[in-house]
C-alpha atoms as a PDB file:
ATOM      1  CA  MET A   1     159.693 -78.923   6.266  1.00  0.00           C
ATOM      2  CA  GLN A   2     162.322 -76.677   4.776  1.00  0.00           C
ATOM      3  CA  PHE A   3     162.267 -73.050   5.871  1.00  0.00           C
ATOM      4  CA  ARG A   4     163.435 -70.587   3.279  1.00  0.00           C
ATOM      5  CA  ARG A   5     166.211 -68.234   4.246  1.00  0.00           C
ATOM      6  CA  ASP A   6     166.648 -64.858   2.654  1.00  0.00           C
ATOM      7  CA  PRO A   7     169.932 -64.483   0.811  1.00  0.00           C
ATOM      8  CA  GLU A   8     172.555 -62.391   2.543  1.00  0.00           C
ATOM      9  CA  PRO A   9     172.016 -58.732   1.663  1.00  0.00           C
ATOM     10  CA  ALA A  10     174.575 -56.840  -0.324  1.00  0.00           C
ATOM     11  CA  PRO A  11     176.521 -54.307   1.742  1.00  0.00           C
ATOM     12  CA  ASP A  12     174.638 -51.060   1.901  1.00  0.00           C
ATOM     13  CA  ALA A  13     175.816 -47.612   2.805  1.00  0.00           C
ATOM     14  CA  PRO A  14     175.029 -46.701   6.422  1.00  0.00           C
ATOM     15  CA  LEU A  15     172.984 -43.689   7.246  1.00  0.00           C
ATOM     16  CA  ARG A  16     175.071 -40.532   7.003  1.00  0.00           C
ATOM     17  CA  PRO A  17     176.111 -38.982  10.322  1.00  0.00           C
ATOM     18  CA  GLY A  18     173.359 -36.773  11.604  1.00  0.00           C
ATOM     19  CA  ARG A  19     170.733 -38.313   9.327  1.00  0.00           C
ATOM     20  CA  ARG A  20     167.768 -39.546  11.332  1.00  0.00           C
ATOM     21  CA  ARG A  21     165.718 -42.607  10.576  1.00  0.00           C
ATOM     22  CA  ASP A  22     162.273 -41.764   9.284  1.00  0.00           C
ATOM     23  CA  PRO A  23     159.843 -43.108  11.904  1.00  0.00           C
ATOM     24  CA  ALA A  24     157.144 -43.393   9.230  1.00  0.00           C
ATOM     25  CA  VAL A  25     159.277 -45.983   7.411  1.00  0.00           C
ATOM     26  CA  ASP A  26     159.908 -47.886  10.643  1.00  0.00           C
ATOM     27  CA  ASP A  27     156.195 -47.917  11.461  1.00  0.00           C
ATOM     28  CA  ALA A  28     155.193 -49.023   7.954  1.00  0.00           C
ATOM     29  CA  VAL A  29     157.692 -51.884   7.970  1.00  0.00           C
ATOM     30  CA  ARG A  30     156.732 -53.090  11.422  1.00  0.00           C
ATOM     31  CA  THR A  31     153.043 -53.002  10.558  1.00  0.00           C
ATOM     32  CA  ALA A  32     153.776 -54.992   7.394  1.00  0.00           C
ATOM     33  CA  VAL A  33     155.824 -57.549   9.349  1.00  0.00           C
ATOM     34  CA  LEU A  34     153.021 -58.172  11.840  1.00  0.00           C
ATOM     35  CA  GLU A  35     150.418 -58.463   9.091  1.00  0.00           C
ATOM     36  CA  LEU A  36     152.449 -60.807   6.901  1.00  0.00           C
ATOM     37  CA  LEU A  37     153.440 -63.075   9.770  1.00  0.00           C
ATOM     38  CA  ALA A  38     149.791 -63.432  10.752  1.00  0.00           C
ATOM     39  CA  GLU A  39     148.704 -64.054   7.145  1.00  0.00           C
ATOM     40  CA  ARG A  40     151.540 -66.169   5.743  1.00  0.00           C
ATOM     41  CA  GLY A  41     153.647 -67.352   8.661  1.00  0.00           C
ATOM     42  CA  TRP A  42     157.431 -67.298   8.902  1.00  0.00           C
ATOM     43  CA  ASP A  43     157.989 -69.227   5.690  1.00  0.00           C
ATOM     44  CA  GLY A  44     155.911 -66.710   3.736  1.00  0.00           C
ATOM     45  CA  LEU A  45     157.763 -63.685   5.056  1.00  0.00           C
ATOM     46  CA  SER A  46     160.612 -62.165   3.067  1.00  0.00           C
ATOM     47  CA  MET A  47     162.282 -58.805   2.829  1.00  0.00           C
ATOM     48  CA  ASP A  48     160.746 -58.406  -0.641  1.00  0.00           C
ATOM     49  CA  ALA A  49     157.251 -59.110   0.672  1.00  0.00           C
ATOM     50  CA  VAL A  50     157.657 -56.683   3.552  1.00  0.00           C
ATOM     51  CA  ALA A  51     159.038 -53.959   1.271  1.00  0.00           C
ATOM     52  CA  GLY A  52     156.095 -54.388  -1.094  1.00  0.00           C
ATOM     53  CA  ARG A  53     153.493 -54.340   1.665  1.00  0.00           C
ATOM     54  CA  ALA A  54     155.101 -51.372   3.433  1.00  0.00           C
ATOM     55  CA  GLY A  55     155.715 -49.434   0.218  1.00  0.00           C
ATOM     56  CA  VAL A  56     159.384 -48.784   1.003  1.00  0.00           C
ATOM     57  CA  GLY A  57     162.634 -49.573  -0.778  1.00  0.00           C
ATOM     58  CA  LYS A  58     164.720 -52.565   0.238  1.00  0.00           C
ATOM     59  CA  ALA A  59     167.777 -50.322   0.589  1.00  0.00           C
ATOM     60  CA  SER A  60     166.001 -48.379   3.326  1.00  0.00           C
ATOM     61  CA  MET A  61     165.121 -51.623   5.077  1.00  0.00           C
ATOM     62  CA  TYR A  62     168.648 -53.029   4.961  1.00  0.00           C
ATOM     63  CA  ARG A  63     169.991 -49.817   6.435  1.00  0.00           C
ATOM     64  CA  ARG A  64     167.817 -50.539   9.444  1.00  0.00           C
ATOM     65  CA  TRP A  65     167.838 -54.330   9.659  1.00  0.00           C
ATOM     66  CA  SER A  66     170.603 -56.548   8.355  1.00  0.00           C
ATOM     67  CA  SER A  67     168.382 -59.623   8.038  1.00  0.00           C
ATOM     68  CA  ARG A  68     164.857 -60.947   8.238  1.00  0.00           C
ATOM     69  CA  VAL A  69     165.637 -62.374  11.680  1.00  0.00           C
ATOM     70  CA  GLN A  70     166.709 -59.005  13.067  1.00  0.00           C
ATOM     71  CA  MET A  71     163.727 -57.242  11.513  1.00  0.00           C
ATOM     72  CA  VAL A  72     161.172 -59.686  12.916  1.00  0.00           C
ATOM     73  CA  ALA A  73     162.755 -59.935  16.366  1.00  0.00           C
ATOM     74  CA  GLU A  74     162.946 -56.159  16.732  1.00  0.00           C
ATOM     75  CA  THR A  75     159.408 -55.670  15.448  1.00  0.00           C
ATOM     76  CA  ILE A  76     157.864 -58.062  17.973  1.00  0.00           C
ATOM     77  CA  ALA A  77     160.052 -56.776  20.800  1.00  0.00           C
ATOM     78  CA  GLU A  78     159.095 -53.157  20.100  1.00  0.00           C
ATOM     79  CA  ALA A  79     155.421 -54.086  19.945  1.00  0.00           C
ATOM     80  CA  ASP A  80     155.664 -55.929  23.266  1.00  0.00           C
ATOM     81  CA  ARG A  81     157.596 -53.061  24.826  1.00  0.00           C
ATOM     82  CA  GLY A  82     154.689 -50.811  23.972  1.00  0.00           C
ATOM     83  CA  GLN A  83     152.366 -53.124  25.889  1.00  0.00           C
ATOM     84  CA  VAL A  84     154.444 -53.255  29.078  1.00  0.00           C
ATOM     85  CA  THR A  85     154.374 -50.562  31.707  1.00  0.00           C
ATOM     86  CA  VAL A  86     155.635 -51.848  35.028  1.00  0.00           C
ATOM     87  CA  PRO A  87     152.820 -50.984  37.458  1.00  0.00           C
ATOM     88  CA  SER A  88     153.093 -49.617  40.962  1.00  0.00           C
ATOM     89  CA  THR A  89     149.750 -50.331  42.572  1.00  0.00           C
ATOM     90  CA  GLY A  90     151.262 -50.874  46.011  1.00  0.00           C
ATOM     91  CA  THR A  91     150.339 -54.554  46.209  1.00  0.00           C
ATOM     92  CA  LEU A  92     151.684 -57.694  44.563  1.00  0.00           C
ATOM     93  CA  ARG A  93     148.185 -58.750  43.504  1.00  0.00           C
ATOM     94  CA  GLY A  94     147.467 -55.420  41.892  1.00  0.00           C
ATOM     95  CA  ASP A  95     150.769 -55.377  40.030  1.00  0.00           C
ATOM     96  CA  LEU A  96     150.361 -58.951  38.815  1.00  0.00           C
ATOM     97  CA  LEU A  97     146.841 -58.297  37.570  1.00  0.00           C
ATOM     98  CA  GLU A  98     148.236 -55.425  35.511  1.00  0.00           C
ATOM     99  CA  VAL A  99     151.185 -57.332  34.032  1.00  0.00           C
ATOM    100  CA  VAL A 100     149.358 -60.601  33.345  1.00  0.00           C
ATOM    101  CA  GLY A 101     146.482 -58.590  31.907  1.00  0.00           C
ATOM    102  CA  ALA A 102     148.885 -56.768  29.581  1.00  0.00           C
ATOM    103  CA  MET A 103     150.356 -60.101  28.482  1.00  0.00           C
ATOM    104  CA  VAL A 104     146.897 -61.456  27.680  1.00  0.00           C
ATOM    105  CA  ALA A 105     146.017 -58.300  25.745  1.00  0.00           C
ATOM    106  CA  SER A 106     149.210 -58.606  23.713  1.00  0.00           C
ATOM    107  CA  LEU A 107     148.639 -62.271  22.904  1.00  0.00           C
ATOM    108  CA  ASN A 108     145.044 -61.577  21.883  1.00  0.00           C
ATOM    109  CA  GLY A 109     146.090 -58.851  19.440  1.00  0.00           C
ATOM    110  CA  PRO A 110     148.183 -58.503  16.281  1.00  0.00           C
ATOM    111  CA  VAL A 111     151.420 -59.092  18.179  1.00  0.00           C
ATOM    112  CA  GLY A 112     150.129 -62.418  19.418  1.00  0.00           C
ATOM    113  CA  ALA A 113     149.122 -63.529  15.935  1.00  0.00           C
ATOM    114  CA  ALA A 114     152.596 -62.674  14.639  1.00  0.00           C
ATOM    115  CA  ALA A 115     154.348 -64.265  17.600  1.00  0.00           C
ATOM    116  CA  ARG A 116     152.415 -67.503  17.102  1.00  0.00           C
ATOM    117  CA  ALA A 117     153.896 -67.793  13.600  1.00  0.00           C
ATOM    118  CA  VAL A 118     157.390 -67.210  14.968  1.00  0.00           C
ATOM    119  CA  VAL A 119     157.233 -69.518  17.993  1.00  0.00           C
ATOM    120  CA  GLY A 120     156.647 -72.553  15.797  1.00  0.00           C
ATOM    121  CA  VAL A 121     159.930 -72.122  13.928  1.00  0.00           C
ATOM    122  CA  LEU A 122     162.217 -71.214  16.834  1.00  0.00           C
ATOM    123  CA  PRO A 123     163.687 -74.748  17.049  1.00  0.00           C
ATOM    124  CA  HIS A 124     164.727 -74.473  13.381  1.00  0.00           C
ATOM    125  CA  GLU A 125     166.017 -70.889  13.552  1.00  0.00           C
ATOM    126  CA  PRO A 126     168.570 -70.568  16.389  1.00  0.00           C
ATOM    127  CA  ASP A 127     169.388 -66.942  15.603  1.00  0.00           C
ATOM    128  CA  LEU A 128     165.724 -66.017  15.747  1.00  0.00           C
ATOM    129  CA  ALA A 129     165.290 -68.041  18.949  1.00  0.00           C
ATOM    130  CA  ALA A 130     168.149 -66.171  20.615  1.00  0.00           C
ATOM    131  CA  ALA A 131     166.834 -62.800  19.470  1.00  0.00           C
ATOM    132  CA  PHE A 132     163.314 -63.696  20.612  1.00  0.00           C
ATOM    133  CA  ARG A 133     164.539 -64.702  24.081  1.00  0.00           C
ATOM    134  CA  GLU A 134     166.590 -61.536  24.471  1.00  0.00           C
ATOM    135  CA  GLY A 135     163.905 -59.280  23.014  1.00  0.00           C
ATOM    136  CA  SER A 136     160.235 -60.144  23.411  1.00  0.00           C
ATOM    137  CA  ALA A 137     160.558 -62.822  26.103  1.00  0.00           C
ATOM    138  CA  GLY A 138     163.125 -60.761  27.960  1.00  0.00           C
ATOM    139  CA  ILE A 139     160.828 -57.743  28.100  1.00  0.00           C
ATOM    140  CA  TRP A 140     158.089 -59.692  29.867  1.00  0.00           C
ATOM    141  CA  GLU A 141     160.567 -61.429  32.155  1.00  0.00           C
ATOM    142  CA  ASP A 142     162.021 -58.068  33.215  1.00  0.00           C
ATOM    143  CA  ALA A 143     158.535 -56.757  33.987  1.00  0.00           C
ATOM    144  CA  PHE A 144     157.787 -59.679  36.295  1.00  0.00           C
ATOM    145  CA  VAL A 145     161.201 -59.407  37.962  1.00  0.00           C
ATOM    146  CA  GLN A 146     160.562 -55.738  38.770  1.00  0.00           C
ATOM    147  CA  VAL A 147     157.149 -56.585  40.217  1.00  0.00           C
ATOM    148  CA  PHE A 148     158.591 -59.409  42.320  1.00  0.00           C
ATOM    149  CA  THR A 149     161.500 -57.285  43.533  1.00  0.00           C
ATOM    150  CA  ALA A 150     159.146 -54.561  44.725  1.00  0.00           C
ATOM    151  CA  ALA A 151     156.991 -57.170  46.454  1.00  0.00           C
ATOM    152  CA  VAL A 152     160.017 -58.605  48.266  1.00  0.00           C
ATOM    153  CA  GLY A 153     160.677 -55.145  49.674  1.00  0.00           C
ATOM    154  CA  ARG A 154     157.106 -55.051  51.014  1.00  0.00           C
ATOM    155  CA  GLY A 155     157.411 -58.546  52.495  1.00  0.00           C
ATOM    156  CA  GLU A 156     154.839 -60.039  50.108  1.00  0.00           C
ATOM    157  CA  VAL A 157     157.174 -62.491  48.348  1.00  0.00           C
ATOM    158  CA  ASP A 158     159.555 -65.043  49.792  1.00  0.00           C
ATOM    159  CA  PRO A 159     162.949 -64.116  48.279  1.00  0.00           C
ATOM    160  CA  ALA A 160     163.899 -67.799  48.190  1.00  0.00           C
ATOM    161  CA  ARG A 161     161.191 -68.382  45.612  1.00  0.00           C
ATOM    162  CA  LEU A 162     162.549 -65.900  43.097  1.00  0.00           C
ATOM    163  CA  GLY A 163     164.344 -67.564  40.216  1.00  0.00           C
ATOM    164  CA  THR A 164     162.342 -70.769  40.709  1.00  0.00           C
ATOM    165  CA  VAL A 165     159.384 -72.223  38.847  1.00  0.00           C
ATOM    166  CA  ALA A 166     157.104 -70.432  41.303  1.00  0.00           C
ATOM    167  CA  GLY A 167     157.592 -67.218  39.376  1.00  0.00           C
ATOM    168  CA  GLU A 168     157.211 -68.902  35.995  1.00  0.00           C
ATOM    169  CA  ALA A 169     154.066 -70.901  36.688  1.00  0.00           C
ATOM    170  CA  GLY A 170     151.545 -68.141  36.008  1.00  0.00           C
ATOM    171  CA  PRO A 171     152.890 -67.025  32.619  1.00  0.00           C
ATOM    172  CA  ALA A 172     153.309 -70.700  31.707  1.00  0.00           C
ATOM    173  CA  VAL A 173     149.577 -71.296  32.179  1.00  0.00           C
ATOM    174  CA  VAL A 174     148.783 -68.326  29.954  1.00  0.00           C
ATOM    175  CA  MET A 175     151.167 -69.526  27.241  1.00  0.00           C
ATOM    176  CA  GLN A 176     149.803 -73.086  27.343  1.00  0.00           C
ATOM    177  CA  ARG A 177     146.242 -71.826  26.939  1.00  0.00           C
ATOM    178  CA  TRP A 178     147.271 -69.556  24.076  1.00  0.00           C
ATOM    179  CA  LEU A 179     149.718 -71.713  22.153  1.00  0.00           C
ATOM    180  CA  VAL A 180     148.768 -75.334  22.842  1.00  0.00           C
ATOM    181  CA  LEU A 181     145.162 -75.566  23.995  1.00  0.00           C
ATOM    182  CA  GLY A 182     143.715 -72.667  22.019  1.00  0.00           C
ATOM    183  CA  ARG A 183     141.435 -71.675  24.877  1.00  0.00           C
ATOM    184  CA  PRO A 184     140.212 -68.094  25.354  1.00  0.00           C
ATOM    185  CA  LEU A 185     142.388 -65.654  27.239  1.00  0.00           C
ATOM    186  CA  ASP A 186     140.142 -63.347  29.232  1.00  0.00           C
ATOM    187  CA  ASP A 187     139.890 -61.367  32.456  1.00  0.00           C
ATOM    188  CA  GLU A 188     138.697 -64.419  34.395  1.00  0.00           C
ATOM    189  CA  LEU A 189     141.852 -66.296  33.401  1.00  0.00           C
ATOM    190  CA  VAL A 190     143.988 -63.339  34.495  1.00  0.00           C
ATOM    191  CA  ARG A 191     142.386 -63.373  37.944  1.00  0.00           C
ATOM    192  CA  ASP A 192     142.661 -67.162  38.266  1.00  0.00           C
ATOM    193  CA  VAL A 193     146.336 -67.165  37.273  1.00  0.00           C
ATOM    194  CA  VAL A 194     147.128 -64.457  39.799  1.00  0.00           C
ATOM    195  CA  ASP A 195     144.942 -65.643  42.692  1.00  0.00           C
ATOM    196  CA  ARG A 196     145.163 -69.412  42.317  1.00  0.00           C
ATOM    197  CA  VAL A 197     148.627 -69.915  40.888  1.00  0.00           C
ATOM    198  CA  MET A 198     151.056 -67.059  41.420  1.00  0.00           C
ATOM    199  CA  LEU A 199     150.108 -65.655  44.832  1.00  0.00           C
ATOM    200  CA  PRO A 200     149.928 -69.039  46.617  1.00  0.00           C
ATOM    201  CA  LEU A 201     153.286 -70.099  45.182  1.00  0.00           C
ATOM    202  CA  LEU A 202     155.100 -66.831  45.900  1.00  0.00           C
ATOM    203  CA  ALA A 203     153.727 -65.832  49.303  1.00  0.00           C
ATOM    204  CA  PRO A 204     155.934 -66.344  52.394  1.00  0.00           C
ATOM    205  CA  ARG A 205     155.043 -69.319  54.547  1.00  0.00           C
END
């Protein structure tokens, strides 16, 4: 399958010093990106389509995002960032229930529908893959790292297990259910992932 690439944009004048970006434009574009990805997939998304759906000029878009890749990666990352608040419940189990639960909520919503369209083309779009790893995937990874680091300080996690597959196993189960198996993501899964996968693998022995 051939994936269409948007032509390189013509150079556009940067925003004048002191001129602020209109958040209403940003919000309209990001909403349009999420909707179009869910409806048409990556191959059906273009700067023209987003501009038309958002009701904004392409010049305004190119002043913010230099390419479709940058626009999509930033949109999904910002949406995920809004879902993640690193918890401080005082226990590893409590923190993990919060973070895994937030991940499930994100995947079940508009961000998940858009991300599903993007994940399938990452092998064909190296720039998008790199941006996705640094943005959306990196946001969730950072959240788990902060939870694990706090748990190490409380003696709940074996430090030797950090950076190993023990910390990746729980999110991997969630992603397999969501992306490959198409099974429901619910509160029961969140509890099972935390109690039966993550805690046994991470606890000191």
